[in-house]
PDB file of N, CA and C in Angstrom:
ATOM      1  N   UNK A   1       0.821  -1.198   0.000  1.00  0.00           N
ATOM      2  CA  UNK A   1       0.000   0.000   0.000  1.00  0.00           C
ATOM      3  C   UNK A   1       0.861   1.258   0.000  1.00  0.00           C
ATOM      4  N   UNK A   2       2.049   1.180   0.570  1.00  0.00           N
ATOM      5  CA  UNK A   2       2.918   2.356   0.614  1.00  0.00           C
ATOM      6  C   UNK A   2       3.286   2.814  -0.792  1.00  0.00           C
ATOM      7  N   UNK A   3       3.349   1.870  -1.735  1.00  0.00           N
ATOM      8  CA  UNK A   3       3.659   2.247  -3.116  1.00  0.00           C
ATOM      9  C   UNK A   3       2.571   3.166  -3.672  1.00  0.00           C
ATOM     10  N   UNK A   4       1.326   2.892  -3.299  1.00  0.00           N
ATOM     11  CA  UNK A   4       0.215   3.717  -3.758  1.00  0.00           C
ATOM     12  C   UNK A   4       0.389   5.150  -3.274  1.00  0.00           C
ATOM     13  N   UNK A   5       0.761   5.306  -2.013  1.00  0.00           N
ATOM     14  CA  UNK A   5       0.932   6.645  -1.465  1.00  0.00           C
ATOM     15  C   UNK A   5       2.141   7.345  -2.076  1.00  0.00           C
ATOM     16  N   UNK A   6       3.153   6.602  -2.508  1.00  0.00           N
ATOM     17  CA  UNK A   6       4.279   7.210  -3.215  1.00  0.00           C
ATOM     18  C   UNK A   6       3.803   7.836  -4.515  1.00  0.00           C
ATOM     19  N   UNK A   7       2.892   7.161  -5.194  1.00  0.00           N
ATOM     20  CA  UNK A   7       2.372   7.693  -6.453  1.00  0.00           C
ATOM     21  C   UNK A   7       1.580   8.975  -6.203  1.00  0.00           C
ATOM     22  N   UNK A   8       0.851   9.016  -5.107  1.00  0.00           N
ATOM     23  CA  UNK A   8       0.094  10.224  -4.768  1.00  0.00           C
ATOM     24  C   UNK A   8       1.043  11.406  -4.580  1.00  0.00           C
ATOM     25  N   UNK A   9       2.246  11.139  -4.126  1.00  0.00           N
ATOM     26  CA  UNK A   9       3.217  12.207  -3.890  1.00  0.00           C
ATOM     27  C   UNK A   9       3.790  12.787  -5.178  1.00  0.00           C
ATOM     28  N   UNK A  10       3.408  12.262  -6.326  1.00  0.00           N
ATOM     29  CA  UNK A  10       3.880  12.798  -7.606  1.00  0.00           C
ATOM     30  C   UNK A  10       3.510  14.277  -7.714  1.00  0.00           C
ATOM     31  N   UNK A  11       2.307  14.592  -7.289  1.00  0.00           N
ATOM     32  CA  UNK A  11       1.842  15.979  -7.364  1.00  0.00           C
ATOM     33  C   UNK A  11       2.805  16.898  -6.615  1.00  0.00           C
ATOM     34  N   UNK A  12       3.195  16.482  -5.425  1.00  0.00           N
ATOM     35  CA  UNK A  12       4.141  17.258  -4.627  1.00  0.00           C
ATOM     36  C   UNK A  12       5.498  17.323  -5.327  1.00  0.00           C
ATOM     37  N   UNK A  13       5.927  16.204  -5.880  1.00  0.00           N
ATOM     38  CA  UNK A  13       7.212  16.130  -6.590  1.00  0.00           C
ATOM     39  C   UNK A  13       7.229  17.103  -7.765  1.00  0.00           C
ATOM     40  N   UNK A  14       6.161  17.140  -8.526  1.00  0.00           N
ATOM     41  CA  UNK A  14       6.086  18.000  -9.709  1.00  0.00           C
ATOM     42  C   UNK A  14       6.025  19.475  -9.312  1.00  0.00           C
ATOM     43  N   UNK A  15       5.383  19.767  -8.191  1.00  0.00           N
ATOM     44  CA  UNK A  15       5.184  21.162  -7.813  1.00  0.00           C
ATOM     45  C   UNK A  15       6.404  21.795  -7.143  1.00  0.00           C
ATOM     46  N   UNK A  16       7.450  21.019  -6.895  1.00  0.00           N
ATOM     47  CA  UNK A  16       8.648  21.591  -6.280  1.00  0.00           C
ATOM     48  C   UNK A  16       9.245  22.640  -7.204  1.00  0.00           C
ATOM     49  N   UNK A  17       9.747  23.702  -6.619  1.00  0.00           N
ATOM     50  CA  UNK A  17      10.310  24.804  -7.401  1.00  0.00           C
ATOM     51  C   UNK A  17      11.665  24.441  -8.002  1.00  0.00           C
ATOM     52  N   UNK A  18      12.415  23.554  -7.362  1.00  0.00           N
ATOM     53  CA  UNK A  18      13.745  23.188  -7.850  1.00  0.00           C
ATOM     54  C   UNK A  18      13.635  22.356  -9.114  1.00  0.00           C
ATOM     55  N   UNK A  19      14.494  22.653 -10.073  1.00  0.00           N
ATOM     56  CA  UNK A  19      14.531  21.868 -11.298  1.00  0.00           C
ATOM     57  C   UNK A  19      15.364  20.616 -11.058  1.00  0.00           C
ATOM     58  N   UNK A  20      14.813  19.497 -11.412  1.00  0.00           N
ATOM     59  CA  UNK A  20      15.541  18.236 -11.266  1.00  0.00           C
ATOM     60  C   UNK A  20      16.366  17.996 -12.526  1.00  0.00           C
ATOM     61  N   UNK A  21      17.453  17.293 -12.353  1.00  0.00           N
ATOM     62  CA  UNK A  21      18.269  16.951 -13.516  1.00  0.00           C
ATOM     63  C   UNK A  21      17.576  15.844 -14.303  1.00  0.00           C
ATOM     64  N   UNK A  22      17.961  15.688 -15.558  1.00  0.00           N
ATOM     65  CA  UNK A  22      17.389  14.624 -16.382  1.00  0.00           C
ATOM     66  C   UNK A  22      17.624  13.268 -15.738  1.00  0.00           C
ATOM     67  N   UNK A  23      18.804  13.090 -15.154  1.00  0.00           N
ATOM     68  CA  UNK A  23      19.126  11.809 -14.512  1.00  0.00           C
ATOM     69  C   UNK A  23      18.173  11.526 -13.352  1.00  0.00           C
ATOM     70  N   UNK A  24      17.890  12.557 -12.552  1.00  0.00           N
ATOM     71  CA  UNK A  24      16.960  12.389 -11.430  1.00  0.00           C
ATOM     72  C   UNK A  24      15.558  12.068 -11.936  1.00  0.00           C
ATOM     73  N   UNK A  25      15.153  12.753 -13.000  1.00  0.00           N
ATOM     74  CA  UNK A  25      13.825  12.504 -13.561  1.00  0.00           C
ATOM     75  C   UNK A  25      13.720  11.102 -14.141  1.00  0.00           C
ATOM     76  N   UNK A  26      14.762  10.658 -14.833  1.00  0.00           N
ATOM     77  CA  UNK A  26      14.758   9.308 -15.396  1.00  0.00           C
ATOM     78  C   UNK A  26      14.668   8.264 -14.290  1.00  0.00           C
ATOM     79  N   UNK A  27      15.379   8.485 -13.193  1.00  0.00           N
ATOM     80  CA  UNK A  27      15.334   7.550 -12.068  1.00  0.00           C
ATOM     81  C   UNK A  27      13.932   7.517 -11.465  1.00  0.00           C
ATOM     82  N   UNK A  28      13.311   8.679 -11.326  1.00  0.00           N
ATOM     83  CA  UNK A  28      11.957   8.749 -10.767  1.00  0.00           C
ATOM     84  C   UNK A  28      10.959   8.047 -11.692  1.00  0.00           C
ATOM     85  N   UNK A  29      11.116   8.235 -12.995  1.00  0.00           N
ATOM     86  CA  UNK A  29      10.236   7.566 -13.965  1.00  0.00           C
ATOM     87  C   UNK A  29      10.374   6.054 -13.838  1.00  0.00           C
ATOM     88  N   UNK A  30      11.615   5.569 -13.732  1.00  0.00           N
ATOM     89  CA  UNK A  30      11.836   4.127 -13.575  1.00  0.00           C
ATOM     90  C   UNK A  30      11.163   3.613 -12.308  1.00  0.00           C
ATOM     91  N   UNK A  31      11.278   4.373 -11.228  1.00  0.00           N
ATOM     92  CA  UNK A  31      10.649   3.980  -9.963  1.00  0.00           C
ATOM     93  C   UNK A  31       9.135   3.926 -10.118  1.00  0.00           C
ATOM     94  N   UNK A  32       8.569   4.931 -10.761  1.00  0.00           N
ATOM     95  CA  UNK A  32       7.119   4.967 -10.960  1.00  0.00           C
ATOM     96  C   UNK A  32       6.646   3.820 -11.844  1.00  0.00           C
ATOM     97  N   UNK A  33       7.419   3.495 -12.871  1.00  0.00           N
ATOM     98  CA  UNK A  33       7.057   2.371 -13.736  1.00  0.00           C
ATOM     99  C   UNK A  33       7.040   1.069 -12.943  1.00  0.00           C
ATOM    100  N   UNK A  34       8.009   0.886 -12.052  1.00  0.00           N
ATOM    101  CA  UNK A  34       8.035  -0.314 -11.212  1.00  0.00           C
ATOM    102  C   UNK A  34       6.834  -0.342 -10.279  1.00  0.00           C
ATOM    103  N   UNK A  35       6.466   0.823  -9.733  1.00  0.00           N
ATOM    104  CA  UNK A  35       5.306   0.896  -8.846  1.00  0.00           C
ATOM    105  C   UNK A  35       4.024   0.552  -9.593  1.00  0.00           C
ATOM    106  N   UNK A  36       3.892   1.034 -10.819  1.00  0.00           N
ATOM    107  CA  UNK A  36       2.712   0.728 -11.636  1.00  0.00           C
ATOM    108  C   UNK A  36       2.639  -0.774 -11.898  1.00  0.00           C
ATOM    109  N   UNK A  37       3.770  -1.392 -12.252  1.00  0.00           N
ATOM    110  CA  UNK A  37       3.792  -2.834 -12.491  1.00  0.00           C
ATOM    111  C   UNK A  37       3.383  -3.594 -11.235  1.00  0.00           C
ATOM    112  N   UNK A  38       3.857  -3.134 -10.088  1.00  0.00           N
ATOM    113  CA  UNK A  38       3.497  -3.779  -8.821  1.00  0.00           C
ATOM    114  C   UNK A  38       1.991  -3.673  -8.581  1.00  0.00           C
ATOM    115  N   UNK A  39       1.432  -2.484  -8.789  1.00  0.00           N
ATOM    116  CA  UNK A  39      -0.001  -2.292  -8.576  1.00  0.00           C
ATOM    117  C   UNK A  39      -0.831  -3.133  -9.540  1.00  0.00           C
ATOM    118  N   UNK A  40      -0.384  -3.251 -10.785  1.00  0.00           N
ATOM    119  CA  UNK A  40      -1.081  -4.107 -11.752  1.00  0.00           C
ATOM    120  C   UNK A  40      -1.074  -5.553 -11.281  1.00  0.00           C
ATOM    121  N   UNK A  41       0.070  -6.009 -10.780  1.00  0.00           N
ATOM    122  CA  UNK A  41       0.174  -7.388 -10.294  1.00  0.00           C
ATOM    123  C   UNK A  41      -0.749  -7.609  -9.102  1.00  0.00           C
ATOM    124  N   UNK A  42      -0.820  -6.635  -8.206  1.00  0.00           N
ATOM    125  CA  UNK A  42      -1.707  -6.746  -7.041  1.00  0.00           C
ATOM    126  C   UNK A  42      -3.156  -6.836  -7.499  1.00  0.00           C
ATOM    127  N   UNK A  43      -3.547  -5.983  -8.441  1.00  0.00           N
ATOM    128  CA  UNK A  43      -4.922  -6.012  -8.945  1.00  0.00           C
ATOM    129  C   UNK A  43      -5.246  -7.338  -9.623  1.00  0.00           C
ATOM    130  N   UNK A  44      -4.321  -7.842 -10.429  1.00  0.00           N
ATOM    131  CA  UNK A  44      -4.538  -9.123 -11.096  1.00  0.00           C
ATOM    132  C   UNK A  44      -4.695 -10.237 -10.069  1.00  0.00           C
ATOM    133  N   UNK A  45      -3.864 -10.228  -9.049  1.00  0.00           N
ATOM    134  CA  UNK A  45      -3.941 -11.233  -7.986  1.00  0.00           C
ATOM    135  C   UNK A  45      -5.302 -11.161  -7.289  1.00  0.00           C
ATOM    136  N   UNK A  46      -5.727  -9.939  -6.970  1.00  0.00           N
ATOM    137  CA  UNK A  46      -7.009  -9.768  -6.284  1.00  0.00           C
ATOM    138  C   UNK A  46      -8.172 -10.218  -7.167  1.00  0.00           C
ATOM    139  N   UNK A  47      -8.110  -9.902  -8.449  1.00  0.00           N
ATOM    140  CA  UNK A  47      -9.187 -10.295  -9.359  1.00  0.00           C
ATOM    141  C   UNK A  47      -9.249 -11.814  -9.504  1.00  0.00           C
ATOM    142  N   UNK A  48      -8.093 -12.454  -9.603  1.00  0.00           N
ATOM    143  CA  UNK A  48      -8.074 -13.923  -9.721  1.00  0.00           C
ATOM    144  C   UNK A  48      -8.641 -14.576  -8.465  1.00  0.00           C
ATOM    145  N   UNK A  49      -8.285 -14.058  -7.316  1.00  0.00           N
ATOM    146  CA  UNK A  49      -8.751 -14.657  -6.067  1.00  0.00           C
ATOM    147  C   UNK A  49     -10.194 -14.299  -5.754  1.00  0.00           C
ATOM    148  N   UNK A  50     -10.688 -13.214  -6.310  1.00  0.00           N
ATOM    149  CA  UNK A  50     -12.075 -12.814  -6.107  1.00  0.00           C
ATOM    150  C   UNK A  50     -13.017 -13.789  -6.806  1.00  0.00           C
ATOM    151  N   UNK A  51     -12.595 -14.316  -7.953  1.00  0.00           N
ATOM    152  CA  UNK A  51     -13.429 -15.235  -8.735  1.00  0.00           C
ATOM    153  C   UNK A  51     -13.622 -16.575  -8.041  1.00  0.00           C
ATOM    154  N   UNK A  52     -12.682 -16.942  -7.156  1.00  0.00           N
ATOM    155  CA  UNK A  52     -12.750 -18.262  -6.504  1.00  0.00           C
ATOM    156  C   UNK A  52     -13.758 -18.300  -5.386  1.00  0.00           C
TER     157      UNK A  52
END
């Protein structure tokens, strides 16, 4: 569940006045992509177990 709240913090991350370097942004994008994959897996697991 903590991954979900990390995604919510994107708004705060984007609104920061400091400009992030491309490297920092690329790292954050990679982290977010991993979080999305995790959430998709959780949803798939829940849907499969809901049918049983």
